[in-house]
Protein backbone atom coordinates (compact mmCIF):
# COMPACT_ATOMS: atom_id res chain seq x y z
CA UNK A 1 0.00 0.00 0.00
CA UNK A 2 1.30 3.49 -0.83
CA UNK A 3 1.60 6.41 1.54
CA UNK A 4 -1.39 8.08 -0.19
CA UNK A 5 -3.47 4.90 0.22
CA UNK A 6 -2.67 4.71 3.93
CA UNK A 7 -3.46 8.39 4.45
CA UNK A 8 -6.67 8.08 2.41
CA UNK A 9 -7.77 5.19 4.63
CA UNK A 10 -7.04 7.28 7.75
CA UNK A 11 -9.06 10.18 6.29
CA UNK A 12 -11.91 7.75 5.59
CA UNK A 13 -11.96 6.54 9.18
CA UNK A 14 -12.02 10.13 10.46
CA UNK A 15 -14.79 11.24 8.10
CA UNK A 16 -16.83 8.06 8.54
CA UNK A 17 -17.07 8.81 12.25
CA UNK A 18 -18.47 12.29 11.47
CA UNK A 19 -21.46 11.03 9.44
CA UNK A 20 -22.83 12.07 6.01
CA UNK A 21 -19.45 11.63 4.31
CA UNK A 22 -19.46 9.31 1.27
CA UNK A 23 -16.69 7.82 -0.83
CA UNK A 24 -17.07 8.93 -4.44
CA UNK A 25 -15.10 7.33 -7.25
CA UNK A 26 -13.81 9.65 -9.94
CA UNK A 27 -15.22 9.27 -13.45
CA UNK A 28 -11.93 10.61 -14.83
CA UNK A 29 -9.24 7.95 -15.32
CA UNK A 30 -6.19 8.53 -13.13
CA UNK A 31 -7.99 10.89 -10.74
CA UNK A 32 -8.19 9.45 -7.24
CA UNK A 33 -11.49 9.04 -5.39
CA UNK A 34 -12.62 11.65 -2.88
CA UNK A 35 -14.57 11.71 0.35
CA UNK A 36 -17.61 13.95 -0.12
CA UNK A 37 -19.96 15.64 2.33
CA UNK A 38 -23.49 15.51 0.99
CA UNK A 39 -26.09 17.81 2.54
CA UNK A 40 -29.66 17.33 1.30
CA UNK A 41 -28.42 15.81 -1.95
CA UNK A 42 -25.84 18.52 -2.65
CA UNK A 43 -22.06 18.12 -2.54
CA UNK A 44 -20.77 20.80 -0.16
CA UNK A 45 -17.20 19.60 0.57
CA UNK A 46 -14.81 17.01 -0.74
CA UNK A 47 -11.54 15.73 0.66
CA UNK A 48 -8.78 14.14 -1.38
CA UNK A 49 -5.25 12.89 -0.83
CA UNK A 50 -2.44 13.38 -3.31
CA UNK A 51 1.31 13.34 -2.86
CA UNK A 52 0.98 12.64 0.86
CA UNK A 53 -1.09 15.79 1.43
CA UNK A 54 -4.77 16.29 2.27
CA UNK A 55 -6.85 18.87 0.41
CA UNK A 56 -10.40 20.10 1.02
CA UNK A 57 -12.31 21.27 -2.05
CA UNK A 58 -15.06 23.89 -1.65
CA UNK A 59 -17.29 23.50 -4.73
CA UNK A 60 -19.46 26.53 -4.00
CA UNK A 61 -16.46 28.84 -4.56
CA UNK A 62 -14.32 26.44 -6.65
CA UNK A 63 -11.42 26.64 -4.19
CA UNK A 64 -9.01 24.09 -2.75
CA UNK A 65 -7.67 24.40 0.79
CA UNK A 66 -4.45 22.54 1.52
CA UNK A 67 -4.73 21.26 5.08
CA UNK A 68 -1.59 19.12 4.96
CA UNK A 69 -2.20 16.09 7.10
CA UNK A 70 -4.82 14.36 9.22
CA UNK A 71 -4.30 16.81 12.10
CA UNK A 72 -4.75 19.75 9.73
CA UNK A 73 -7.91 18.21 8.31
CA UNK A 74 -9.32 17.62 11.79
CA UNK A 75 -8.59 21.24 12.79
CA UNK A 76 -10.12 22.61 9.56
CA UNK A 77 -13.25 20.48 9.92
CA UNK A 78 -13.65 21.36 13.60
CA UNK A 79 -13.56 25.05 12.65
CA UNK A 80 -15.62 24.92 9.43
CA UNK A 81 -17.69 21.77 8.88
CA UNK A 82 -20.74 22.85 10.89
CA UNK A 83 -21.26 25.87 8.64
CA UNK A 84 -21.37 23.64 5.57
CA UNK A 85 -23.78 21.23 7.19
CA UNK A 86 -26.24 24.13 7.57
CA UNK A 87 -25.77 25.22 3.94
């Protein structure tokens, strides 16, 4: 297993415990899957792992936030996730 695979699995365990996060496969060949937060049928956040780094994508403003690692993702979600759940 690669470093990205291990980190992706760790991200999955973290997000699975938070509820409403789903694993979405990419329809584009070569693009890794992402964990997605679905609120009332709408994608509001996605989290991906590439090159050993974790990134949060904000589709409403088409912006990526590099959070670095699992600790950075946890801190970002603790500070921001609730606002997206109320979107």
